[in-house]
Amino acid sequence: MKALSRIPILASLGIVALAAGSALHAQLPQASATSLALGFNRTASATGFAAVANNPAGLALGSSPGFSMALPAVTLLGGMGPVGMGDIADWEGRLVPAEVKDGWLQSIIDAGSQSGPAEVGVTPLAMSIGPVGLQLSSVARGVLSLNPDAAELLLYGNAGRTGEPRDFQLEGSRLDGFAISTIALSYGFRATPRLSLGVTGKYSVGHGLAVGRDLGSTLTADPVSVELAFPAILNSSEDAGFDMGSGIGLDLGAIWEADGFRVGATIQNVLSTFQWSLDRFSYIPGTMFFEQGSSADDFEEQPAEAAPRNMRDAVEDLTPGPVFSVGAELTDIPDWRIMADIRTRTSGRLALGPDFHAGVGAEFQGLSFLPLRGHAAVVSGGVQLGGGLSVIVGPLHLSGAAAVRTGDVANATLVGVTVSFGTN
């Protein structure tokens, strides 16, 4: 039955969104673990290949290496909330007491949903040669959000928290996911002895998309019945899924150097033409009804144009929006680098990372072969804390970083590792 062939697809997307997990910036994953360790507070400080994803003007700084390159890198982010993985891990292998589950459910009710983001960024190539930088990256992101009734079903089954069967309304649960690849070429140059400018041109290709909305699924107790209404727009089963949308983008950056400090600013996606090709996708009605002695379902593929208007609007809204950043770095403190950034996004849901960020990063360079880094930031609805280090042997840098983030969507853990040549 077609329904059975489609249910695993939707379930798999949900599992990925809740359980897997990238510290990402606009359409480009951060190829540099150093940037994660410093909390992405690098608008005024990123050099070498790291400048491509942060500020192309950094390629023109005197401290930027003549050559730098990162070996293939992977960045990860995963989490969920308000009930986080840590809350669940505390009870691994043990029966969760009713009072604990009651507390979890109340926190979900207070938040309005239980959500889980997952991001995976892969950068096969990131490099710089003089004032030119290049980065080729792919990223996949998914977010699954369950309304309180759906969360109660997962925690207690159809008996609910009271132990008495009741009706459940699942409307409002949702799924959003996409996969996209971007090639970015950057150039930085000195406009004056103190002012560096830079530009990044990007070309992006979309590979996959999943947009699902619960439009009124119900589970009733008397009589016992299940009515599923979770339509979705997905890749067509007949499409290879390489070019499902495309477009170009443009980033602009500047850095001003003064005695003892630098200030920088960027506008990412000041121009963006990326759009999904809706006619390449399929619409799955996602309806199923079951009652004793009666059942029906509809999981047949249809043209995406048959999807409800709100779902087609959600696809059209999955485009990059402008991101504005300003930052500063203190450059004359012995053995230390101190930097700070403020960043905000104004629109566009093809976005990775919080809508707002204000943070500070620091690097201790007292041991030249072992720089130590840390950061703290206020982000949309929460905070981010983290750090990392590098082991430097000649031109070879082995860098690692990790951070934890709370916020509007969920509590999350970010991890990055980079093997690179040259400073960044």
Protein backbone atom coordinates (compact mmCIF):
# COMPACT_ATOMS: atom_id res chain seq x y z
CA MET A 1 0.00 0.00 0.00
CA LYS A 2 1.34 3.47 -0.89
CA ALA A 3 0.61 4.68 2.63
CA LEU A 4 3.06 2.16 4.06
CA SER A 5 5.77 3.25 1.64
CA ARG A 6 5.42 6.91 2.63
CA ILE A 7 5.11 6.57 6.41
CA PRO A 8 8.76 5.45 6.83
CA ILE A 9 9.91 8.46 4.81
CA LEU A 10 8.08 10.90 7.06
CA ALA A 11 9.13 9.04 10.19
CA SER A 12 12.77 8.99 9.11
CA LEU A 13 12.76 12.73 8.52
CA GLY A 14 11.31 13.23 11.99
CA ILE A 15 13.88 10.99 13.64
CA VAL A 16 16.73 12.81 11.88
CA ALA A 17 15.36 16.18 12.96
CA LEU A 18 15.13 15.10 16.60
CA ALA A 19 18.21 12.96 17.02
CA ALA A 20 21.02 14.05 14.71
CA GLY A 21 22.70 17.17 14.53
CA SER A 22 26.25 22.45 12.64
CA ALA A 23 27.19 25.57 13.63
CA LEU A 24 26.32 27.25 10.41
CA HIS A 25 26.34 30.77 9.10
CA ALA A 26 23.97 31.88 6.33
CA GLN A 27 24.27 29.24 3.57
CA LEU A 28 27.89 28.33 4.39
CA PRO A 29 28.98 26.00 7.19
CA GLN A 30 31.94 27.29 9.14
CA ALA A 31 34.96 25.46 7.73
CA SER A 32 37.04 26.69 10.70
CA ALA A 33 36.66 25.13 14.14
CA THR A 34 38.52 28.22 15.39
CA SER A 35 35.46 30.28 14.47
CA LEU A 36 33.21 28.03 16.55
CA ALA A 37 35.62 28.16 19.49
CA LEU A 38 35.46 31.97 19.31
CA GLY A 39 31.66 31.91 19.08
CA PHE A 40 31.52 33.15 15.46
CA ASN A 41 32.52 36.60 16.75
CA ARG A 42 34.83 37.07 13.78
CA THR A 43 33.48 39.92 11.66
CA ALA A 44 36.65 41.92 12.36
CA SER A 45 39.15 39.07 12.74
CA ALA A 46 38.67 36.15 10.32
CA THR A 47 41.53 35.60 7.90
CA GLY A 48 42.54 32.97 5.35
CA PHE A 49 39.86 30.47 4.32
CA ALA A 50 37.77 31.39 7.40
CA ALA A 51 37.13 34.84 5.88
CA VAL A 52 34.88 33.37 3.18
CA ALA A 53 32.11 32.48 5.63
CA ASN A 54 32.70 35.47 7.96
CA ASN A 55 33.99 38.59 6.22
CA PRO A 56 35.78 38.57 2.84
CA ALA A 57 37.59 41.79 3.75
CA GLY A 58 39.73 39.67 6.09
CA LEU A 59 41.52 38.27 3.04
CA ALA A 60 43.20 41.67 2.59
CA LEU A 61 44.48 42.03 6.15
CA GLY A 62 48.23 41.93 6.70
CA SER A 63 47.76 39.04 9.15
CA SER A 64 46.01 36.90 6.54
CA PRO A 65 48.25 34.04 5.33
CA GLY A 66 49.49 33.87 1.76
CA PHE A 67 48.02 30.38 1.58
CA SER A 68 45.61 28.45 3.78
CA MET A 69 43.52 25.34 3.29
CA ALA A 70 41.21 23.18 5.36
CA LEU A 71 40.98 19.47 4.80
CA PRO A 72 37.40 18.15 4.40
CA ALA A 73 35.51 19.26 7.51
CA VAL A 74 32.22 18.36 9.15
CA THR A 75 30.29 20.55 11.58
CA LEU A 76 27.36 19.27 13.62
CA LEU A 77 24.51 20.61 15.70
CA GLY A 78 21.83 18.59 17.41
CA GLY A 79 19.39 19.04 20.22
CA MET A 80 15.80 19.40 21.28
CA GLY A 81 13.80 21.30 23.83
CA PRO A 82 12.45 22.38 26.15
CA VAL A 83 13.00 18.75 27.24
CA GLY A 84 16.60 18.18 26.19
CA MET A 85 18.68 15.12 25.46
CA GLY A 86 20.38 15.56 28.82
CA ASP A 87 17.04 15.32 30.61
CA ILE A 88 16.32 12.02 28.87
CA ALA A 89 19.87 10.69 29.32
CA ASP A 90 19.57 11.14 33.09
CA TRP A 91 16.98 8.32 33.08
CA GLU A 92 18.61 6.02 30.55
CA GLY A 93 17.84 2.39 31.39
CA ARG A 94 15.44 3.34 34.19
CA LEU A 95 11.71 3.85 34.46
CA VAL A 96 10.91 7.55 34.35
CA PRO A 97 8.75 8.47 37.37
CA ALA A 98 5.36 10.00 36.67
CA GLU A 99 6.28 13.24 38.45
CA VAL A 100 9.30 13.68 36.15
CA LYS A 101 7.21 13.12 33.02
CA ASP A 102 4.61 15.51 34.41
CA GLY A 103 7.32 18.15 34.76
CA TRP A 104 8.53 17.54 31.23
CA LEU A 105 5.04 17.83 29.82
CA GLN A 106 4.34 21.04 31.73
CA SER A 107 7.50 22.61 30.33
CA ILE A 108 6.38 21.64 26.81
CA ILE A 109 2.93 23.12 27.44
CA ASP A 110 4.53 26.34 28.72
CA ALA A 111 6.82 26.52 25.64
CA GLY A 112 4.01 25.64 23.24
CA SER A 113 5.85 22.76 21.56
CA GLN A 114 8.69 20.25 21.74
CA SER A 115 11.15 21.01 18.95
CA GLY A 116 14.33 19.43 17.69
CA PRO A 117 16.79 20.93 15.19
CA ALA A 118 19.46 18.94 13.37
CA GLU A 119 22.14 20.41 11.12
CA VAL A 120 25.01 18.74 9.28
CA GLY A 121 27.52 20.80 7.31
CA VAL A 122 30.19 19.28 5.09
CA THR A 123 33.00 21.34 3.54
CA PRO A 124 35.04 19.34 1.02
CA LEU A 125 37.17 22.37 0.14
CA ALA A 126 38.01 25.69 1.80
CA MET A 127 41.15 27.58 0.86
CA SER A 128 42.72 30.98 0.28
CA ILE A 129 45.54 32.13 -1.96
CA GLY A 130 46.52 35.69 -1.27
CA PRO A 131 43.40 37.89 -1.46
CA VAL A 132 41.23 35.15 -3.01
CA GLY A 133 39.18 32.65 -1.02
CA LEU A 134 37.12 29.64 -2.11
CA GLN A 135 34.70 27.44 -0.20
CA LEU A 136 32.57 24.53 -1.39
CA SER A 137 30.05 23.29 1.17
CA SER A 138 26.87 21.27 1.56
CA VAL A 139 24.41 21.53 4.41
CA ALA A 140 21.31 19.67 5.52
CA ARG A 141 18.94 20.96 8.19
CA GLY A 142 15.74 19.63 9.72
CA VAL A 143 13.42 20.86 12.45
CA LEU A 144 10.54 18.81 13.83
CA SER A 145 8.05 20.47 16.17
CA LEU A 146 5.39 18.56 18.13
CA ASN A 147 2.45 20.25 19.79
CA PRO A 148 1.76 19.46 23.50
CA ASP A 149 -0.85 16.78 22.72
CA ALA A 150 1.60 14.97 20.43
CA ALA A 151 4.27 15.16 23.13
CA GLU A 152 1.80 13.78 25.70
CA LEU A 153 1.09 10.83 23.41
CA LEU A 154 4.82 10.07 23.19
CA LEU A 155 5.28 10.31 26.95
CA TYR A 156 2.20 8.46 28.17
CA GLY A 157 0.52 6.69 25.25
CA ASN A 158 -3.15 7.19 24.44
CA ALA A 159 -4.11 7.00 28.13
CA GLY A 160 -2.50 10.40 28.62
CA ARG A 161 -1.03 11.82 31.81
CA THR A 162 -4.19 11.09 33.82
CA GLY A 163 -4.37 7.40 32.91
CA GLU A 164 -7.83 7.92 31.43
CA PRO A 165 -8.16 7.68 27.62
CA ARG A 166 -9.05 11.02 26.04
CA ASP A 167 -9.13 12.75 22.68
CA PHE A 168 -5.87 14.20 21.33
CA GLN A 169 -5.60 17.10 18.86
CA LEU A 170 -2.29 17.17 16.98
CA GLU A 171 -2.81 20.24 14.80
CA GLY A 172 0.21 22.55 14.76
CA SER A 173 2.92 19.90 14.66
CA ARG A 174 5.27 20.55 11.74
CA LEU A 175 8.38 19.49 9.86
CA ASP A 176 10.80 21.62 7.84
CA GLY A 177 13.97 20.35 6.21
CA PHE A 178 16.27 21.08 3.28
CA ALA A 179 19.61 20.16 1.74
CA ILE A 180 21.65 22.64 -0.27
CA SER A 181 25.18 23.04 -1.69
CA THR A 182 26.99 26.34 -2.19
CA ILE A 183 30.20 27.35 -3.92
CA ALA A 184 31.54 30.72 -2.75
CA LEU A 185 34.37 32.79 -4.22
CA SER A 186 35.71 35.75 -2.21
CA TYR A 187 38.07 38.60 -2.94
CA GLY A 188 39.52 41.11 -0.49
CA PHE A 189 41.48 44.27 -1.27
CA ARG A 190 42.96 47.34 0.38
CA ALA A 191 40.92 50.44 -0.44
CA THR A 192 43.15 52.64 1.76
CA PRO A 193 46.04 51.84 4.11
CA ARG A 194 43.51 51.31 6.92
CA LEU A 195 40.39 50.15 5.09
CA SER A 196 39.97 46.67 3.61
CA LEU A 197 36.93 45.73 1.54
CA GLY A 198 35.73 42.37 0.33
CA VAL A 199 33.06 40.68 -1.74
CA THR A 200 31.81 37.11 -1.90
CA GLY A 201 29.83 35.70 -4.79
CA LYS A 202 27.83 32.51 -4.17
CA TYR A 203 26.00 30.01 -6.31
CA SER A 204 23.67 27.60 -4.51
CA VAL A 205 21.88 24.47 -5.66
CA GLY A 206 19.08 22.86 -3.66
CA HIS A 207 18.98 19.06 -3.43
CA GLY A 208 16.05 18.26 -1.19
CA LEU A 209 13.11 19.72 0.66
CA ALA A 210 10.55 18.50 3.19
CA VAL A 211 7.71 20.70 4.41
CA GLY A 212 4.99 19.04 6.48
CA ARG A 213 2.11 20.53 8.45
CA ASP A 214 -0.41 18.84 10.71
CA LEU A 215 -3.75 20.27 9.65
CA GLY A 216 -5.94 18.58 12.23
CA SER A 217 -4.89 15.02 13.08
CA THR A 218 -6.95 13.54 15.91
CA LEU A 219 -7.02 10.46 18.08
CA THR A 220 -10.34 9.85 19.80
CA ALA A 221 -11.10 7.59 22.75
CA ASP A 222 -14.80 6.86 22.24
CA PRO A 223 -15.14 5.47 19.70
CA VAL A 224 -11.45 4.61 19.24
CA SER A 225 -10.34 6.19 15.96
CA VAL A 226 -7.28 7.73 14.34
CA GLU A 227 -7.51 10.46 11.74
CA LEU A 228 -4.20 11.60 10.24
CA ALA A 229 -3.98 14.89 8.33
CA PHE A 230 -0.28 15.58 7.78
CA PRO A 231 0.26 16.73 4.18
CA ALA A 232 3.81 17.21 2.98
CA ILE A 233 5.77 18.59 0.06
CA LEU A 234 8.73 16.29 -0.67
CA ASN A 235 11.17 15.39 -3.40
CA SER A 236 9.42 13.47 -6.13
CA SER A 237 10.12 9.74 -6.12
CA GLU A 238 10.89 10.08 -9.84
CA ASP A 239 13.43 12.91 -9.48
CA ALA A 240 17.13 12.31 -8.78
CA GLY A 241 17.12 15.41 -6.57
CA PHE A 242 20.33 17.18 -7.63
CA ASP A 243 19.02 20.51 -8.96
CA MET A 244 15.73 21.24 -7.18
CA GLY A 245 16.30 24.99 -7.13
CA SER A 246 19.19 27.40 -7.57
CA GLY A 247 20.31 31.00 -7.40
CA ILE A 248 23.15 33.40 -6.77
CA GLY A 249 24.01 35.46 -3.72
CA LEU A 250 26.31 38.35 -2.84
CA ASP A 251 28.03 39.26 0.45
CA LEU A 252 29.86 42.53 1.16
CA GLY A 253 32.37 43.21 3.93
CA ALA A 254 34.66 45.90 5.32
CA ILE A 255 37.33 46.11 8.04
CA TRP A 256 38.87 49.34 9.39
CA GLU A 257 42.21 49.07 11.19
CA ALA A 258 43.23 51.63 13.80
CA ASP A 259 45.90 51.70 16.48
CA GLY A 260 45.13 48.83 18.83
CA PHE A 261 41.86 47.64 17.35
CA ARG A 262 39.88 46.72 14.24
CA VAL A 263 36.21 47.16 13.43
CA GLY A 264 34.35 45.24 10.76
CA ALA A 265 30.94 45.00 9.15
CA THR A 266 29.25 42.66 6.70
CA ILE A 267 25.98 42.34 4.83
CA GLN A 268 25.41 38.75 3.77
CA ASN A 269 22.88 38.02 1.06
CA VAL A 270 22.62 41.67 0.09
CA LEU A 271 21.57 40.09 -3.20
CA SER A 272 19.95 36.67 -3.36
CA THR A 273 18.02 35.04 -6.19
CA PHE A 274 17.73 31.50 -4.80
CA GLN A 275 14.32 29.89 -5.33
CA TRP A 276 13.08 26.31 -5.12
CA SER A 277 11.61 24.84 -8.31
CA LEU A 278 8.19 23.90 -6.95
CA ASP A 279 7.31 21.92 -10.07
CA ARG A 280 10.11 19.47 -9.26
CA PHE A 281 8.46 18.38 -5.99
CA SER A 282 5.50 16.22 -5.06
CA TYR A 283 2.58 16.85 -2.76
CA ILE A 284 1.55 13.98 -0.47
CA PRO A 285 -1.96 14.49 1.05
CA GLY A 286 -0.89 12.40 4.06
CA THR A 287 -4.39 11.47 5.18
CA MET A 288 -5.38 8.27 6.93
CA PHE A 289 -8.51 7.27 8.81
CA PHE A 290 -8.94 4.22 10.99
CA GLU A 291 -11.93 3.10 13.03
CA GLN A 292 -13.01 -0.40 13.89
CA GLY A 293 -14.33 -1.91 10.67
CA SER A 294 -13.37 1.07 8.51
CA SER A 295 -10.15 2.57 7.14
CA ALA A 296 -8.95 4.79 4.30
CA ASP A 297 -5.75 6.58 3.33
CA ASP A 298 -4.26 8.84 0.68
CA PHE A 299 -0.50 8.97 0.25
CA GLU A 300 -0.51 9.22 -3.55
CA GLU A 301 1.96 11.64 -5.11
CA GLN A 302 0.44 14.70 -6.73
CA PRO A 303 1.98 17.80 -8.34
CA ALA A 304 3.19 20.22 -5.66
CA GLU A 305 0.85 22.88 -7.06
CA ALA A 306 -2.00 20.85 -5.51
CA ALA A 307 -0.68 21.52 -1.99
CA PRO A 308 -2.53 23.96 0.29
CA ARG A 309 -1.55 27.58 -0.20
CA ASN A 310 0.07 27.85 3.24
CA MET A 311 2.42 24.96 2.43
CA ARG A 312 3.41 26.42 -0.93
CA ASP A 313 4.05 29.72 0.84
CA ALA A 314 6.29 27.89 3.32
CA VAL A 315 8.37 26.53 0.44
CA GLU A 316 8.63 29.95 -1.19
CA ASP A 317 9.75 31.41 2.14
CA LEU A 318 12.67 28.93 2.39
CA THR A 319 15.06 31.42 0.79
CA PRO A 320 18.14 33.24 2.15
CA GLY A 321 17.59 36.62 3.77
CA PRO A 322 20.00 39.46 4.63
CA VAL A 323 22.26 39.04 7.66
CA PHE A 324 23.89 42.16 9.15
CA SER A 325 27.01 41.92 11.33
CA VAL A 326 29.27 44.42 13.07
CA GLY A 327 32.29 43.47 15.13
CA ALA A 328 35.52 44.62 16.72
CA GLU A 329 38.84 43.11 17.79
CA LEU A 330 41.45 44.41 20.24
CA THR A 331 44.88 43.81 18.72
CA ASP A 332 47.45 45.23 21.18
CA ILE A 333 46.91 43.10 24.32
CA PRO A 334 49.98 40.89 24.86
CA ASP A 335 49.22 37.17 24.44
CA TRP A 336 45.50 37.82 23.94
CA ARG A 337 42.98 38.39 21.18
CA ILE A 338 39.63 39.80 22.27
CA MET A 339 36.74 40.18 19.83
CA ALA A 340 33.02 40.89 19.86
CA ASP A 341 30.15 40.72 17.36
CA ILE A 342 26.52 41.73 17.01
CA ARG A 343 24.58 39.97 14.24
CA THR A 344 20.95 39.96 13.18
CA ARG A 345 18.89 38.42 10.42
CA THR A 346 15.89 40.32 9.05
CA SER A 347 14.10 37.77 6.87
CA GLY A 348 14.39 34.46 5.06
CA ARG A 349 13.85 30.98 6.49
CA LEU A 350 16.71 29.31 4.60
CA ALA A 351 18.79 30.27 7.60
CA LEU A 352 21.13 28.51 9.96
CA GLY A 353 21.79 29.77 13.42
CA PRO A 354 19.86 32.17 15.66
CA ASP A 355 18.18 35.30 14.33
CA PHE A 356 20.10 37.46 16.82
CA HIS A 357 23.60 37.10 18.28
CA ALA A 358 25.67 39.36 20.54
CA GLY A 359 28.85 37.80 21.85
CA VAL A 360 32.46 38.03 22.96
CA GLY A 361 35.33 35.68 22.10
CA ALA A 362 38.87 35.45 23.47
CA GLU A 363 42.04 33.60 22.50
CA PHE A 364 45.06 33.11 24.78
CA GLN A 365 48.29 32.90 22.77
CA GLY A 366 50.76 32.54 25.61
CA LEU A 367 51.65 29.08 24.28
CA SER A 368 52.25 29.61 20.59
CA PHE A 369 51.73 25.93 19.76
CA LEU A 370 48.53 25.62 21.84
CA PRO A 371 46.17 28.62 21.56
CA LEU A 372 43.19 28.35 23.90
CA ARG A 373 39.82 29.89 23.04
CA GLY A 374 36.46 30.60 24.62
CA HIS A 375 33.30 32.60 24.09
CA ALA A 376 29.98 33.68 25.52
CA ALA A 377 27.00 35.08 23.63
CA VAL A 378 23.40 36.12 24.00
CA VAL A 379 21.32 34.59 21.21
CA SER A 380 17.63 34.60 20.31
CA GLY A 381 15.82 33.45 23.43
CA GLY A 382 18.93 32.08 25.16
CA VAL A 383 22.70 31.99 25.49
CA GLN A 384 25.68 30.21 23.94
CA LEU A 385 28.86 29.17 25.77
CA GLY A 386 31.84 27.27 24.41
CA GLY A 387 35.50 27.07 23.58
CA GLY A 388 38.27 25.05 22.01
CA LEU A 389 41.93 24.87 21.17
CA SER A 390 44.42 24.18 18.41
CA VAL A 391 47.56 22.09 18.30
CA ILE A 392 50.01 23.77 15.92
CA VAL A 393 52.95 21.95 14.37
CA GLY A 394 54.63 24.12 11.78
CA PRO A 395 51.95 25.05 9.19
CA LEU A 396 49.62 22.26 10.38
CA HIS A 397 46.72 23.23 12.67
CA LEU A 398 44.54 20.62 14.37
CA SER A 399 41.60 22.53 15.85
CA GLY A 400 38.61 21.42 17.87
CA ALA A 401 35.69 23.28 19.42
CA ALA A 402 32.38 22.70 21.14
CA ALA A 403 29.55 24.85 22.47
CA VAL A 404 26.15 24.57 24.07
CA ARG A 405 23.27 26.80 23.06
CA THR A 406 19.86 27.47 24.55
CA GLY A 407 17.25 29.40 22.66
CA ASP A 408 13.87 29.72 21.00
CA VAL A 409 13.96 26.41 19.16
CA ALA A 410 15.80 24.03 21.50
CA ASN A 411 18.83 23.39 23.63
CA ALA A 412 21.63 22.29 21.31
CA THR A 413 25.21 21.08 21.25
CA LEU A 414 27.63 22.28 18.56
CA VAL A 415 30.82 20.45 17.61
CA GLY A 416 33.52 21.19 15.03
CA VAL A 417 36.92 19.74 14.10
CA THR A 418 39.26 21.14 11.43
CA VAL A 419 42.64 20.05 10.10
CA SER A 420 44.14 22.98 8.22
CA PHE A 421 47.28 24.53 6.82
CA GLY A 422 47.94 28.18 7.60
CA THR A 423 46.31 30.48 10.13
CA ASN A 424 42.61 31.25 9.89
